Amino acid sequence: MPLSVAQGTERFLRHVALELGLSANSRSAYRRDLAAYAAWLELRGVPDLGSVTPETLSAYVAELASPQTGDDGAERPPLAAASITRRLSTVRSMHRFLFEEGLLETHAGSGVRTPKRAQRLPKALPIADVEALLAAAGGDDPVGLRDRALLELLYASGARVSEVTALDLDDLLAAPGHADAAHDPVAALGDGGFVQVTGKGAKQRIVPYGSYAGAALAAYLVRARPAMAARGSGTPALFVGPRGARLSRQSAWLVIKAAAERAELAQEVSPHTLRHSFATHLLAGGADVRTVQELLGHASVTTTQIYTQVTADTLREHYLLAHPRAK
């Protein structure tokens, strides 16, 4: 019996939700990609997923890489190579899953090539700009204390914004053997410690943080969070809003944006900027690539190695400026 696009999509989405444990954000991205694919198949009169061939998918990729004409008649630019790669990866994953489950006779995605992605170097802030950004987030009021602790922890841990806003109080860990760990845990955390981060695919990692982030966290936990959390329903969240609810990822982004504006930074600052800066500064300071890979939670060291190019480019720039016979 032919497998409709809608049936195949729902089977695959249940698989990624229940068996792979992907986050809600990842599942939403999969659903959007597959909805666009289903609409494209419908326009071309493809009746079911069993009728899709490698040539069909190659045509799909070719159209994504070509300028499009919108409903208003205006021409739209083609999708970026990264977006095309993501969409095709989603579609191929679905076809492969359905093939392995015996619901399709062939795997139409096998052998279909994606456009080569241009390597984009992450943008990192100079250390002086990071310090200015962190200082701009300060303040003695509860929100200011929270914002400083949030930004300090982002830079100290290299965690994603979504990972930090998902932290609970129990995810903060004092350094082993700290003298205050038993009778004054907040004081122990203030000297630096560890944070248990849950990353992509629900994979957990332990990341250290230093005394600067520790001092900011201790000030927030003692002087700000208790009163803020008391207005809510007793959430275990580490970072909360004025009404006591867990701080959202969007609110955290607004905190970063506001601090960047107050610091008057020339470079645009995004939610990932502190993560990029964390990795670049560690490598520039002599950290091993695999250590940085573990701290960032990258599944492959290849993803981390892009930061080594940033560091190498910086070294070359300094060399060209300083060496009398560099040019």
C-alpha atoms as a PDB file:
ATOM      1  CA  MET A   1       0.000   0.000   0.000  1.00  0.00           C
ATOM      2  CA  PRO A   2       1.485   3.396  -0.998  1.00  0.00           C
ATOM      3  CA  LEU A   3       2.819   5.490   1.867  1.00  0.00           C
ATOM      4  CA  SER A   4       1.525   9.042   1.727  1.00  0.00           C
ATOM      5  CA  VAL A   5       3.810  11.978   2.493  1.00  0.00           C
ATOM      6  CA  ALA A   6       1.694  12.872   5.527  1.00  0.00           C
ATOM      7  CA  GLN A   7       1.862   9.322   6.920  1.00  0.00           C
ATOM      8  CA  GLY A   8       5.614   9.063   6.412  1.00  0.00           C
ATOM      9  CA  THR A   9       6.211  12.460   7.967  1.00  0.00           C
ATOM     10  CA  GLU A  10       4.242  11.630  11.106  1.00  0.00           C
ATOM     11  CA  ARG A  11       5.966   8.243  11.517  1.00  0.00           C
ATOM     12  CA  PHE A  12       9.357   9.903  11.256  1.00  0.00           C
ATOM     13  CA  LEU A  13       8.501  12.765  13.638  1.00  0.00           C
ATOM     14  CA  ARG A  14       7.270  10.270  16.246  1.00  0.00           C
ATOM     15  CA  HIS A  15      10.570   8.432  15.837  1.00  0.00           C
ATOM     16  CA  VAL A  16      12.735  11.526  16.440  1.00  0.00           C
ATOM     17  CA  ALA A  17      10.594  12.578  19.400  1.00  0.00           C
ATOM     18  CA  LEU A  18      10.263   9.259  21.225  1.00  0.00           C
ATOM     19  CA  GLU A  19      13.341   7.266  20.239  1.00  0.00           C
ATOM     20  CA  LEU A  20      15.965   9.926  19.551  1.00  0.00           C
ATOM     21  CA  GLY A  21      14.763  12.327  22.243  1.00  0.00           C
ATOM     22  CA  LEU A  22      15.405  15.446  20.172  1.00  0.00           C
ATOM     23  CA  SER A  23      14.515  18.815  21.671  1.00  0.00           C
ATOM     24  CA  ALA A  24      11.299  20.654  20.868  1.00  0.00           C
ATOM     25  CA  ASN A  25      13.276  23.157  18.798  1.00  0.00           C
ATOM     26  CA  SER A  26      14.832  20.386  16.697  1.00  0.00           C
ATOM     27  CA  ARG A  27      11.472  18.689  16.181  1.00  0.00           C
ATOM     28  CA  SER A  28       9.916  21.989  15.066  1.00  0.00           C
ATOM     29  CA  ALA A  29      12.737  22.494  12.564  1.00  0.00           C
ATOM     30  CA  TYR A  30      12.223  18.962  11.209  1.00  0.00           C
ATOM     31  CA  ARG A  31       8.489  19.571  10.851  1.00  0.00           C
ATOM     32  CA  ARG A  32       9.035  22.846   8.950  1.00  0.00           C
ATOM     33  CA  ASP A  33      11.529  21.231   6.570  1.00  0.00           C
ATOM     34  CA  LEU A  34       9.234  18.293   5.867  1.00  0.00           C
ATOM     35  CA  ALA A  35       6.199  20.546   5.357  1.00  0.00           C
ATOM     36  CA  ALA A  36       8.126  22.470   2.685  1.00  0.00           C
ATOM     37  CA  TYR A  37       9.163  19.180   1.078  1.00  0.00           C
ATOM     38  CA  ALA A  38       5.577  17.876   1.108  1.00  0.00           C
ATOM     39  CA  ALA A  39       4.324  21.073  -0.547  1.00  0.00           C
ATOM     40  CA  TRP A  40       6.974  20.752  -3.260  1.00  0.00           C
ATOM     41  CA  LEU A  41       6.041  17.117  -3.965  1.00  0.00           C
ATOM     42  CA  GLU A  42       2.350  18.037  -4.171  1.00  0.00           C
ATOM     43  CA  LEU A  43       3.022  20.804  -6.698  1.00  0.00           C
ATOM     44  CA  ARG A  44       4.925  18.344  -8.884  1.00  0.00           C
ATOM     45  CA  GLY A  45       2.219  15.706  -8.690  1.00  0.00           C
ATOM     46  CA  VAL A  46       4.290  13.109  -6.808  1.00  0.00           C
ATOM     47  CA  PRO A  47       1.560  10.855  -5.364  1.00  0.00           C
ATOM     48  CA  ASP A  48       3.409   9.184  -2.474  1.00  0.00           C
ATOM     49  CA  LEU A  49       6.847   8.685  -0.940  1.00  0.00           C
ATOM     50  CA  GLY A  50       7.343   5.391  -2.746  1.00  0.00           C
ATOM     51  CA  SER A  51       7.322   7.315  -6.029  1.00  0.00           C
ATOM     52  CA  VAL A  52      10.241   9.526  -4.983  1.00  0.00           C
ATOM     53  CA  THR A  53      13.501   8.698  -6.765  1.00  0.00           C
ATOM     54  CA  PRO A  54      17.056  10.050  -6.417  1.00  0.00           C
ATOM     55  CA  GLU A  55      16.298  12.163  -9.486  1.00  0.00           C
ATOM     56  CA  THR A  56      13.305  13.641  -7.671  1.00  0.00           C
ATOM     57  CA  LEU A  57      15.460  14.703  -4.750  1.00  0.00           C
ATOM     58  CA  SER A  58      18.159  16.067  -7.073  1.00  0.00           C
ATOM     59  CA  ALA A  59      15.500  18.219  -8.731  1.00  0.00           C
ATOM     60  CA  TYR A  60      14.362  19.379  -5.307  1.00  0.00           C
ATOM     61  CA  VAL A  61      17.896  20.452  -4.377  1.00  0.00           C
ATOM     62  CA  ALA A  62      18.358  22.184  -7.738  1.00  0.00           C
ATOM     63  CA  GLU A  63      15.187  24.199  -7.234  1.00  0.00           C
ATOM     64  CA  LEU A  64      16.154  25.207  -3.709  1.00  0.00           C
ATOM     65  CA  ALA A  65      19.465  26.468  -5.092  1.00  0.00           C
ATOM     66  CA  SER A  66      17.742  28.545  -7.807  1.00  0.00           C
ATOM     67  CA  PRO A  67      16.037  31.954  -7.531  1.00  0.00           C
ATOM     68  CA  GLN A  68      12.353  31.604  -6.688  1.00  0.00           C
ATOM     69  CA  THR A  69       9.325  33.607  -7.776  1.00  0.00           C
ATOM     70  CA  GLY A  70       6.997  34.505  -4.935  1.00  0.00           C
ATOM     71  CA  ASP A  71       3.202  34.689  -4.989  1.00  0.00           C
ATOM     72  CA  ASP A  72       3.506  38.433  -5.613  1.00  0.00           C
ATOM     73  CA  GLY A  73       5.620  37.837  -8.715  1.00  0.00           C
ATOM     74  CA  ALA A  74       8.797  39.135  -7.095  1.00  0.00           C
ATOM     75  CA  GLU A  75      11.963  37.107  -7.444  1.00  0.00           C
ATOM     76  CA  ARG A  76      13.385  35.631  -4.251  1.00  0.00           C
ATOM     77  CA  PRO A  77      17.060  34.754  -3.854  1.00  0.00           C
ATOM     78  CA  PRO A  78      17.967  31.051  -3.603  1.00  0.00           C
ATOM     79  CA  LEU A  79      18.364  29.456  -0.216  1.00  0.00           C
ATOM     80  CA  ALA A  80      21.809  29.546   1.371  1.00  0.00           C
ATOM     81  CA  ALA A  81      23.874  26.396   1.029  1.00  0.00           C
ATOM     82  CA  ALA A  82      23.577  25.756   4.770  1.00  0.00           C
ATOM     83  CA  SER A  83      19.764  25.880   4.599  1.00  0.00           C
ATOM     84  CA  ILE A  84      19.688  23.556   1.599  1.00  0.00           C
ATOM     85  CA  THR A  85      22.003  21.121   3.367  1.00  0.00           C
ATOM     86  CA  ARG A  86      19.770  21.121   6.453  1.00  0.00           C
ATOM     87  CA  ARG A  87      16.581  20.565   4.451  1.00  0.00           C
ATOM     88  CA  LEU A  88      18.045  17.733   2.413  1.00  0.00           C
ATOM     89  CA  SER A  89      19.519  16.150   5.534  1.00  0.00           C
ATOM     90  CA  THR A  90      16.051  16.119   7.108  1.00  0.00           C
ATOM     91  CA  VAL A  91      14.449  14.637   3.993  1.00  0.00           C
ATOM     92  CA  ARG A  92      17.145  12.000   3.587  1.00  0.00           C
ATOM     93  CA  SER A  93      16.874  11.032   7.256  1.00  0.00           C
ATOM     94  CA  MET A  94      13.144  10.475   6.825  1.00  0.00           C
ATOM     95  CA  HIS A  95      13.576   8.370   3.681  1.00  0.00           C
ATOM     96  CA  ARG A  96      16.328   6.308   5.313  1.00  0.00           C
ATOM     97  CA  PHE A  97      14.219   5.687   8.438  1.00  0.00           C
ATOM     98  CA  LEU A  98      11.184   4.623   6.414  1.00  0.00           C
ATOM     99  CA  PHE A  99      13.354   2.357   4.244  1.00  0.00           C
ATOM    100  CA  GLU A 100      14.949   0.705   7.293  1.00  0.00           C
ATOM    101  CA  GLU A 101      11.483   0.206   8.809  1.00  0.00           C
ATOM    102  CA  GLY A 102      10.413  -1.623   5.656  1.00  0.00           C
ATOM    103  CA  LEU A 103       7.843   1.036   4.708  1.00  0.00           C
ATOM    104  CA  LEU A 104       9.684   2.024   1.520  1.00  0.00           C
ATOM    105  CA  GLU A 105      11.308  -0.358  -0.958  1.00  0.00           C
ATOM    106  CA  THR A 106      14.234   1.958  -1.761  1.00  0.00           C
ATOM    107  CA  HIS A 107      16.161   4.773  -0.074  1.00  0.00           C
ATOM    108  CA  ALA A 108      15.730   7.656  -2.496  1.00  0.00           C
ATOM    109  CA  GLY A 109      18.174   9.891  -0.611  1.00  0.00           C
ATOM    110  CA  SER A 110      21.134   7.604  -1.141  1.00  0.00           C
ATOM    111  CA  GLY A 111      23.734   9.214  -3.366  1.00  0.00           C
ATOM    112  CA  VAL A 112      22.079  12.630  -3.616  1.00  0.00           C
ATOM    113  CA  ARG A 113      24.745  15.276  -3.079  1.00  0.00           C
ATOM    114  CA  THR A 114      24.294  18.546  -1.234  1.00  0.00           C
ATOM    115  CA  PRO A 115      25.878  21.830  -2.305  1.00  0.00           C
ATOM    116  CA  LYS A 116      29.219  22.531  -0.688  1.00  0.00           C
ATOM    117  CA  ARG A 117      28.869  24.838   2.267  1.00  0.00           C
ATOM    118  CA  ALA A 118      31.091  27.856   2.479  1.00  0.00           C
ATOM    119  CA  GLN A 119      33.037  27.770   5.720  1.00  0.00           C
ATOM    120  CA  ARG A 120      31.921  30.652   7.897  1.00  0.00           C
ATOM    121  CA  LEU A 121      34.240  31.745  10.618  1.00  0.00           C
ATOM    122  CA  PRO A 122      32.540  32.402  13.937  1.00  0.00           C
ATOM    123  CA  LYS A 123      32.758  35.970  15.189  1.00  0.00           C
ATOM    124  CA  ALA A 124      34.482  36.305  18.529  1.00  0.00           C
ATOM    125  CA  LEU A 125      34.813  39.425  20.611  1.00  0.00           C
ATOM    126  CA  PRO A 126      38.214  40.679  21.734  1.00  0.00           C
ATOM    127  CA  ILE A 127      38.777  40.068  25.438  1.00  0.00           C
ATOM    128  CA  ALA A 128      38.473  43.793  26.181  1.00  0.00           C
ATOM    129  CA  ASP A 129      35.051  43.858  24.517  1.00  0.00           C
ATOM    130  CA  VAL A 130      33.911  40.830  26.510  1.00  0.00           C
ATOM    131  CA  GLU A 131      34.944  42.575  29.717  1.00  0.00           C
ATOM    132  CA  ALA A 132      33.049  45.704  28.644  1.00  0.00           C
ATOM    133  CA  LEU A 133      29.970  43.626  27.835  1.00  0.00           C
ATOM    134  CA  LEU A 134      30.034  41.880  31.208  1.00  0.00           C
ATOM    135  CA  ALA A 135      30.539  45.133  33.071  1.00  0.00           C
ATOM    136  CA  ALA A 136      27.611  46.709  31.223  1.00  0.00           C
ATOM    137  CA  ALA A 137      25.315  43.945  32.470  1.00  0.00           C
ATOM    138  CA  GLY A 138      26.025  44.782  36.102  1.00  0.00           C
ATOM    139  CA  GLY A 139      23.854  46.526  38.685  1.00  0.00           C
ATOM    140  CA  ASP A 140      22.902  46.203  42.333  1.00  0.00           C
ATOM    141  CA  ASP A 141      19.201  45.672  41.696  1.00  0.00           C
ATOM    142  CA  PRO A 142      17.904  42.062  41.435  1.00  0.00           C
ATOM    143  CA  VAL A 143      17.614  42.106  37.630  1.00  0.00           C
ATOM    144  CA  GLY A 144      21.091  43.585  37.264  1.00  0.00           C
ATOM    145  CA  LEU A 145      22.578  40.920  39.541  1.00  0.00           C
ATOM    146  CA  ARG A 146      20.816  38.211  37.552  1.00  0.00           C
ATOM    147  CA  ASP A 147      21.942  39.620  34.215  1.00  0.00           C
ATOM    148  CA  ARG A 148      25.574  39.834  35.317  1.00  0.00           C
ATOM    149  CA  ALA A 149      25.462  36.243  36.584  1.00  0.00           C
ATOM    150  CA  LEU A 150      23.833  35.086  33.341  1.00  0.00           C
ATOM    151  CA  LEU A 151      26.438  36.674  31.068  1.00  0.00           C
ATOM    152  CA  GLU A 152      29.356  35.687  33.277  1.00  0.00           C
ATOM    153  CA  LEU A 153      28.209  32.054  33.203  1.00  0.00           C
ATOM    154  CA  LEU A 154      27.668  32.105  29.436  1.00  0.00           C
ATOM    155  CA  TYR A 155      31.223  33.269  28.848  1.00  0.00           C
ATOM    156  CA  ALA A 156      32.747  31.114  31.596  1.00  0.00           C
ATOM    157  CA  SER A 157      31.121  27.881  30.391  1.00  0.00           C
ATOM    158  CA  GLY A 158      30.749  28.373  26.630  1.00  0.00           C
ATOM    159  CA  ALA A 159      27.244  26.920  26.924  1.00  0.00           C
ATOM    160  CA  ARG A 160      24.482  27.792  24.505  1.00  0.00           C
ATOM    161  CA  VAL A 161      21.892  30.314  25.644  1.00  0.00           C
ATOM    162  CA  SER A 162      19.199  27.617  25.564  1.00  0.00           C
ATOM    163  CA  GLU A 163      21.376  25.347  27.722  1.00  0.00           C
ATOM    164  CA  VAL A 164      21.959  28.025  30.356  1.00  0.00           C
ATOM    165  CA  THR A 165      18.305  29.063  30.592  1.00  0.00           C
ATOM    166  CA  ALA A 166      17.419  25.370  31.055  1.00  0.00           C
ATOM    167  CA  LEU A 167      19.695  25.040  34.103  1.00  0.00           C
ATOM    168  CA  ASP A 168      18.224  24.245  37.511  1.00  0.00           C
ATOM    169  CA  LEU A 169      19.751  25.112  40.875  1.00  0.00           C
ATOM    170  CA  ASP A 170      20.858  21.496  41.314  1.00  0.00           C
ATOM    171  CA  ASP A 171      22.956  21.768  38.152  1.00  0.00           C
ATOM    172  CA  LEU A 172      25.462  23.989  39.987  1.00  0.00           C
ATOM    173  CA  LEU A 173      28.204  21.913  41.607  1.00  0.00           C
ATOM    174  CA  ALA A 174      30.877  23.102  44.014  1.00  0.00           C
ATOM    175  CA  ALA A 175      34.489  22.133  43.445  1.00  0.00           C
ATOM    176  CA  PRO A 176      35.193  18.714  45.027  1.00  0.00           C
ATOM    177  CA  GLY A 177      36.579  18.991  48.525  1.00  0.00           C
ATOM    178  CA  HIS A 178      35.767  22.675  48.975  1.00  0.00           C
ATOM    179  CA  ALA A 179      35.797  23.547  52.683  1.00  0.00           C
ATOM    180  CA  ASP A 180      32.438  25.357  52.513  1.00  0.00           C
ATOM    181  CA  ALA A 181      30.635  22.785  50.339  1.00  0.00           C
ATOM    182  CA  ALA A 182      28.757  21.202  53.260  1.00  0.00           C
ATOM    183  CA  HIS A 183      27.755  24.107  55.507  1.00  0.00           C
ATOM    184  CA  ASP A 184      27.744  27.039  53.025  1.00  0.00           C
ATOM    185  CA  PRO A 185      27.240  25.760  49.450  1.00  0.00           C
ATOM    186  CA  VAL A 186      26.655  29.222  47.989  1.00  0.00           C
ATOM    187  CA  ALA A 187      30.008  30.420  49.327  1.00  0.00           C
ATOM    188  CA  ALA A 188      31.609  27.330  47.813  1.00  0.00           C
ATOM    189  CA  LEU A 189      30.036  28.072  44.434  1.00  0.00           C
ATOM    190  CA  GLY A 190      31.348  31.617  44.649  1.00  0.00           C
ATOM    191  CA  ASP A 191      34.942  30.401  44.379  1.00  0.00           C
ATOM    192  CA  GLY A 192      34.219  28.624  41.109  1.00  0.00           C
ATOM    193  CA  GLY A 193      32.869  25.179  40.441  1.00  0.00           C
ATOM    194  CA  PHE A 194      31.085  23.167  37.797  1.00  0.00           C
ATOM    195  CA  VAL A 195      27.805  23.282  35.956  1.00  0.00           C
ATOM    196  CA  GLN A 196      25.982  20.242  34.582  1.00  0.00           C
ATOM    197  CA  VAL A 197      24.768  21.178  31.113  1.00  0.00           C
ATOM    198  CA  THR A 198      22.215  19.239  29.073  1.00  0.00           C
ATOM    199  CA  GLY A 199      22.979  19.725  25.399  1.00  0.00           C
ATOM    200  CA  LYS A 200      21.672  18.486  22.076  1.00  0.00           C
ATOM    201  CA  GLY A 201      20.230  14.985  22.111  1.00  0.00           C
ATOM    202  CA  ALA A 202      19.812  15.248  25.903  1.00  0.00           C
ATOM    203  CA  LYS A 203      23.554  14.595  26.294  1.00  0.00           C
ATOM    204  CA  GLN A 204      24.971  15.893  29.560  1.00  0.00           C
ATOM    205  CA  ARG A 205      28.412  17.337  30.144  1.00  0.00           C
ATOM    206  CA  ILE A 206      30.176  18.853  33.154  1.00  0.00           C
ATOM    207  CA  VAL A 207      31.781  22.239  32.503  1.00  0.00           C
ATOM    208  CA  PRO A 208      33.911  24.210  34.975  1.00  0.00           C
ATOM    209  CA  TYR A 209      33.519  27.913  35.674  1.00  0.00           C
ATOM    210  CA  GLY A 210      35.866  30.283  37.452  1.00  0.00           C
ATOM    211  CA  SER A 211      35.745  32.731  40.317  1.00  0.00           C
ATOM    212  CA  TYR A 212      34.395  35.678  38.301  1.00  0.00           C
ATOM    213  CA  ALA A 213      31.286  33.752  37.289  1.00  0.00           C
ATOM    214  CA  GLY A 214      31.194  32.207  40.760  1.00  0.00           C
ATOM    215  CA  ALA A 215      31.136  35.599  42.498  1.00  0.00           C
ATOM    216  CA  ALA A 216      28.377  36.830  40.194  1.00  0.00           C
ATOM    217  CA  LEU A 217      26.342  33.667  40.776  1.00  0.00           C
ATOM    218  CA  ALA A 218      26.750  33.879  44.542  1.00  0.00           C
ATOM    219  CA  ALA A 219      25.603  37.521  44.579  1.00  0.00           C
ATOM    220  CA  TYR A 220      22.570  36.645  42.460  1.00  0.00           C
ATOM    221  CA  LEU A 221      21.657  33.562  44.518  1.00  0.00           C
ATOM    222  CA  VAL A 222      21.878  35.429  47.838  1.00  0.00           C
ATOM    223  CA  ARG A 223      20.645  38.924  46.997  1.00  0.00           C
ATOM    224  CA  ALA A 224      18.283  38.542  44.022  1.00  0.00           C
ATOM    225  CA  ARG A 225      16.896  35.100  43.241  1.00  0.00           C
ATOM    226  CA  PRO A 226      15.072  34.379  46.546  1.00  0.00           C
ATOM    227  CA  ALA A 227      12.807  37.432  46.256  1.00  0.00           C
ATOM    228  CA  MET A 228      12.242  36.929  42.522  1.00  0.00           C
ATOM    229  CA  ALA A 229      11.466  33.211  42.877  1.00  0.00           C
ATOM    230  CA  ALA A 230       9.067  33.887  45.762  1.00  0.00           C
ATOM    231  CA  ARG A 231       6.727  35.638  43.325  1.00  0.00           C
ATOM    232  CA  GLY A 232       6.361  32.459  41.294  1.00  0.00           C
ATOM    233  CA  SER A 233       5.308  28.884  41.939  1.00  0.00           C
ATOM    234  CA  GLY A 234       8.576  27.484  43.259  1.00  0.00           C
ATOM    235  CA  THR A 235      10.435  26.748  40.022  1.00  0.00           C
ATOM    236  CA  PRO A 236      13.800  24.947  40.339  1.00  0.00           C
ATOM    237  CA  ALA A 237      15.175  27.143  37.514  1.00  0.00           C
ATOM    238  CA  LEU A 238      18.515  28.795  38.154  1.00  0.00           C
ATOM    239  CA  PHE A 239      17.663  31.963  36.251  1.00  0.00           C
ATOM    240  CA  VAL A 240      14.210  33.448  36.809  1.00  0.00           C
ATOM    241  CA  GLY A 241      12.353  36.562  35.766  1.00  0.00           C
ATOM    242  CA  PRO A 242      10.860  39.260  38.029  1.00  0.00           C
ATOM    243  CA  ARG A 243       7.666  37.189  38.349  1.00  0.00           C
ATOM    244  CA  GLY A 244       9.475  34.062  39.428  1.00  0.00           C
ATOM    245  CA  ALA A 245       9.154  32.031  36.223  1.00  0.00           C
ATOM    246  CA  ARG A 246      12.079  30.471  34.367  1.00  0.00           C
ATOM    247  CA  LEU A 247      13.927  32.992  32.203  1.00  0.00           C
ATOM    248  CA  SER A 248      13.213  32.275  28.533  1.00  0.00           C
ATOM    249  CA  ARG A 249      15.811  32.022  25.802  1.00  0.00           C
ATOM    250  CA  GLN A 250      14.297  35.097  24.135  1.00  0.00           C
ATOM    251  CA  SER A 251      14.573  37.113  27.347  1.00  0.00           C
ATOM    252  CA  ALA A 252      18.205  36.051  27.742  1.00  0.00           C
ATOM    253  CA  TRP A 253      18.894  37.265  24.207  1.00  0.00           C
ATOM    254  CA  LEU A 254      17.379  40.643  25.101  1.00  0.00           C
ATOM    255  CA  VAL A 255      19.690  40.803  28.130  1.00  0.00           C
ATOM    256  CA  ILE A 256      22.719  40.252  25.877  1.00  0.00           C
ATOM    257  CA  LYS A 257      21.500  42.782  23.338  1.00  0.00           C
ATOM    258  CA  ALA A 258      20.865  45.447  25.994  1.00  0.00           C
ATOM    259  CA  ALA A 259      24.308  44.919  27.541  1.00  0.00           C
ATOM    260  CA  ALA A 260      25.967  45.211  24.129  1.00  0.00           C
ATOM    261  CA  GLU A 261      24.163  48.488  23.472  1.00  0.00           C
ATOM    262  CA  ARG A 262      25.204  49.893  26.846  1.00  0.00           C
ATOM    263  CA  ALA A 263      28.796  48.818  26.227  1.00  0.00           C
ATOM    264  CA  GLU A 264      28.652  50.565  22.810  1.00  0.00           C
ATOM    265  CA  LEU A 265      30.354  47.663  21.069  1.00  0.00           C
ATOM    266  CA  ALA A 266      31.117  48.198  17.390  1.00  0.00           C
ATOM    267  CA  GLN A 267      30.638  44.515  16.552  1.00  0.00           C
ATOM    268  CA  GLU A 268      27.174  43.000  16.408  1.00  0.00           C
ATOM    269  CA  VAL A 269      26.587  40.621  19.306  1.00  0.00           C
ATOM    270  CA  SER A 270      24.392  37.542  18.863  1.00  0.00           C
ATOM    271  CA  PRO A 271      23.306  34.848  21.348  1.00  0.00           C
ATOM    272  CA  HIS A 272      26.245  32.704  20.188  1.00  0.00           C
ATOM    273  CA  THR A 273      28.874  35.447  20.463  1.00  0.00           C
ATOM    274  CA  LEU A 274      29.969  34.590  23.999  1.00  0.00           C
ATOM    275  CA  ARG A 275      30.168  30.887  23.069  1.00  0.00           C
ATOM    276  CA  HIS A 276      32.373  31.710  20.069  1.00  0.00           C
ATOM    277  CA  SER A 277      34.503  34.021  22.190  1.00  0.00           C
ATOM    278  CA  PHE A 278      34.872  31.327  24.871  1.00  0.00           C
ATOM    279  CA  ALA A 279      36.230  28.795  22.356  1.00  0.00           C
ATOM    280  CA  THR A 280      38.489  31.235  20.528  1.00  0.00           C
ATOM    281  CA  HIS A 281      40.023  32.645  23.701  1.00  0.00           C
ATOM    282  CA  LEU A 282      40.662  29.160  25.116  1.00  0.00           C
ATOM    283  CA  LEU A 283      42.486  28.036  21.978  1.00  0.00           C
ATOM    284  CA  ALA A 284      44.437  31.276  21.794  1.00  0.00           C
ATOM    285  CA  GLY A 285      45.497  30.673  25.403  1.00  0.00           C
ATOM    286  CA  GLY A 286      46.870  27.230  24.557  1.00  0.00           C
ATOM    287  CA  ALA A 287      43.931  24.903  25.277  1.00  0.00           C
ATOM    288  CA  ASP A 288      43.790  21.604  23.389  1.00  0.00           C
ATOM    289  CA  VAL A 289      41.188  21.303  20.605  1.00  0.00           C
ATOM    290  CA  ARG A 290      39.702  18.129  22.072  1.00  0.00           C
ATOM    291  CA  THR A 291      39.349  19.771  25.463  1.00  0.00           C
ATOM    292  CA  VAL A 292      37.433  22.628  23.859  1.00  0.00           C
ATOM    293  CA  GLN A 293      35.339  20.064  21.965  1.00  0.00           C
ATOM    294  CA  GLU A 294      34.299  18.449  25.249  1.00  0.00           C
ATOM    295  CA  LEU A 295      33.530  21.780  26.871  1.00  0.00           C
ATOM    296  CA  LEU A 296      31.379  22.913  23.942  1.00  0.00           C
ATOM    297  CA  GLY A 297      29.587  19.572  23.660  1.00  0.00           C
ATOM    298  CA  HIS A 298      30.439  19.088  19.989  1.00  0.00           C
ATOM    299  CA  ALA A 299      29.839  15.554  18.746  1.00  0.00           C
ATOM    300  CA  SER A 300      32.788  15.801  16.339  1.00  0.00           C
ATOM    301  CA  VAL A 301      36.133  17.544  16.699  1.00  0.00           C
ATOM    302  CA  THR A 302      35.707  18.720  13.094  1.00  0.00           C
ATOM    303  CA  THR A 303      33.100  21.211  14.298  1.00  0.00           C
ATOM    304  CA  THR A 304      35.517  22.580  16.878  1.00  0.00           C
ATOM    305  CA  GLN A 305      38.458  22.857  14.488  1.00  0.00           C
ATOM    306  CA  ILE A 306      36.926  25.861  12.763  1.00  0.00           C
ATOM    307  CA  TYR A 307      38.041  27.865  15.801  1.00  0.00           C
ATOM    308  CA  THR A 308      41.667  26.888  15.188  1.00  0.00           C
ATOM    309  CA  GLN A 309      41.439  28.699  11.861  1.00  0.00           C
ATOM    310  CA  VAL A 310      40.232  31.826  13.656  1.00  0.00           C
ATOM    311  CA  THR A 311      43.211  31.603  16.002  1.00  0.00           C
ATOM    312  CA  ALA A 312      45.621  30.992  13.129  1.00  0.00           C
ATOM    313  CA  ASP A 313      44.249  33.986  11.239  1.00  0.00           C
ATOM    314  CA  THR A 314      44.780  36.172  14.313  1.00  0.00           C
ATOM    315  CA  LEU A 315      48.371  34.956  14.687  1.00  0.00           C
ATOM    316  CA  ARG A 316      49.063  35.682  11.029  1.00  0.00           C
ATOM    317  CA  GLU A 317      47.592  39.174  11.344  1.00  0.00           C
ATOM    318  CA  HIS A 318      49.828  39.935  14.329  1.00  0.00           C
ATOM    319  CA  TYR A 319      52.826  38.503  12.475  1.00  0.00           C
ATOM    320  CA  LEU A 320      52.227  40.674   9.406  1.00  0.00           C
ATOM    321  CA  LEU A 321      51.927  43.757  11.564  1.00  0.00           C
ATOM    322  CA  ALA A 322      54.955  43.075  13.750  1.00  0.00           C
ATOM    323  CA  HIS A 323      57.616  41.286  11.731  1.00  0.00           C
ATOM    324  CA  PRO A 324      59.968  43.609   9.775  1.00  0.00           C
ATOM    325  CA  ARG A 325      60.234  41.173   6.854  1.00  0.00           C
ATOM    326  CA  ALA A 326      56.701  39.808   6.834  1.00  0.00           C
ATOM    327  CA  LYS A 327      55.691  41.660   3.660  1.00  0.00           C
END
